[in-house]
Amino acid sequence: MRCSDEFPSSPTKSRRGFACVAPEKQREIARRGGSAVPAEKRSFSQNPDLAAAAGRKGGTSVAPEKRSFSRDPALASAAGKKGGVASHKKASARA
């Protein structure tokens, strides 16, 4: 039996993977994933300064000319256009 047979609410779009699982089962899986790591091992939730330092370190690994869209709106615009073009190419290739 296909997933779309079990969930006929969306006849035009087939449900695959996690979307095919019953909503109750999805919630159970998500709940277990959220509690998989004990609180004492979630270092960023325990130490906000450590999280901030990690974010800064990640930010400095990006080349300065590609950094901060907030300081360079033209760069942000170019990146958005590039993503849109790539997305549309994928969509037209599938059709």
Protein backbone atom coordinates (compact mmCIF):
# COMPACT_ATOMS: atom_id res chain seq x y z
CA MET A 1 0.00 0.00 0.00
CA ARG A 2 1.34 3.40 -0.96
CA CYS A 3 1.39 6.29 1.42
CA SER A 4 -0.98 8.35 -0.74
CA ASP A 5 -3.56 5.53 -0.36
CA GLU A 6 -3.45 5.93 3.41
CA PHE A 7 -3.66 9.73 3.34
CA PRO A 8 -6.02 10.75 0.53
CA SER A 9 -6.21 14.39 1.67
CA SER A 10 -3.71 15.55 -0.97
CA PRO A 11 -4.39 13.76 -4.27
CA THR A 12 -2.06 15.88 -6.40
CA LYS A 13 1.04 15.55 -4.24
CA SER A 14 2.55 12.24 -3.22
CA ARG A 15 3.81 11.96 0.34
CA ARG A 16 7.19 10.36 0.79
CA GLY A 17 9.59 9.56 3.61
CA PHE A 18 8.83 11.18 6.95
CA ALA A 19 5.72 12.88 5.54
CA CYS A 20 4.27 9.44 4.89
CA VAL A 21 4.44 8.47 8.57
CA ALA A 22 1.29 8.92 10.65
CA PRO A 23 1.24 12.26 12.54
CA GLU A 24 1.21 10.55 15.95
CA LYS A 25 4.28 8.51 15.00
CA GLN A 26 6.01 11.68 13.71
CA ARG A 27 5.46 13.37 17.08
CA GLU A 28 6.81 10.33 18.93
CA ILE A 29 9.95 10.26 16.76
CA ALA A 30 10.47 14.01 17.21
CA ARG A 31 10.01 13.76 20.98
CA ARG A 32 12.63 11.02 21.23
CA GLY A 33 15.06 13.03 19.11
CA GLY A 34 14.67 16.06 21.34
CA SER A 35 15.44 14.09 24.48
CA ALA A 36 18.26 11.98 23.03
CA VAL A 37 21.03 14.21 24.41
CA PRO A 38 21.06 14.82 28.17
CA ALA A 39 20.97 18.46 29.29
CA GLU A 40 24.47 18.29 30.78
CA LYS A 41 25.89 17.36 27.38
CA ARG A 42 24.23 20.24 25.54
CA SER A 43 27.11 22.64 26.11
CA PHE A 44 25.66 25.56 24.15
CA SER A 45 22.46 25.59 26.20
CA GLN A 46 24.53 25.52 29.39
CA ASN A 47 27.01 28.21 28.37
CA PRO A 48 25.80 31.06 26.13
CA ASP A 49 29.31 32.56 26.00
CA LEU A 50 30.61 29.32 24.49
CA ALA A 51 27.84 29.42 21.89
CA ALA A 52 28.63 33.03 21.02
CA ALA A 53 32.34 32.23 20.66
CA ALA A 54 31.53 29.31 18.36
CA GLY A 55 29.33 31.57 16.22
CA ARG A 56 32.10 34.15 15.94
CA LYS A 57 34.61 31.45 15.01
CA GLY A 58 32.29 30.16 12.28
CA GLY A 59 31.73 33.66 10.97
CA THR A 60 35.44 34.39 10.67
CA SER A 61 35.97 31.27 8.55
CA VAL A 62 34.04 32.98 5.73
CA ALA A 63 36.06 35.22 3.41
CA PRO A 64 35.54 38.93 4.22
CA GLU A 65 34.16 39.69 0.76
CA LYS A 66 31.47 37.05 1.28
CA ARG A 67 30.63 37.94 4.90
CA SER A 68 27.72 39.97 6.27
CA PHE A 69 24.77 40.49 3.97
CA SER A 70 23.53 43.12 6.41
CA ARG A 71 26.45 45.39 5.48
CA ASP A 72 26.24 44.77 1.75
CA PRO A 73 22.68 44.60 0.37
CA ALA A 74 23.98 44.18 -3.18
CA LEU A 75 25.81 41.02 -2.15
CA ALA A 76 22.64 39.69 -0.50
CA SER A 77 20.64 40.47 -3.62
CA ALA A 78 23.16 38.72 -5.87
CA ALA A 79 23.11 35.63 -3.65
CA GLY A 80 19.31 35.55 -3.69
CA LYS A 81 19.21 35.82 -7.46
CA LYS A 82 21.79 33.07 -7.79
CA GLY A 83 19.71 30.79 -5.57
CA GLY A 84 16.52 31.58 -7.44
CA VAL A 85 18.11 30.85 -10.81
CA ALA A 86 19.48 27.52 -9.53
CA SER A 87 16.10 26.59 -8.05
CA HIS A 88 14.27 27.36 -11.28
CA LYS A 89 16.77 25.37 -13.33
CA LYS A 90 16.13 22.33 -11.12
CA ALA A 91 12.36 22.76 -11.42
CA SER A 92 12.45 23.03 -15.21
CA ALA A 93 14.73 19.98 -15.45
CA ARG A 94 12.16 17.89 -13.52
CA ALA A 95 9.20 18.99 -15.64
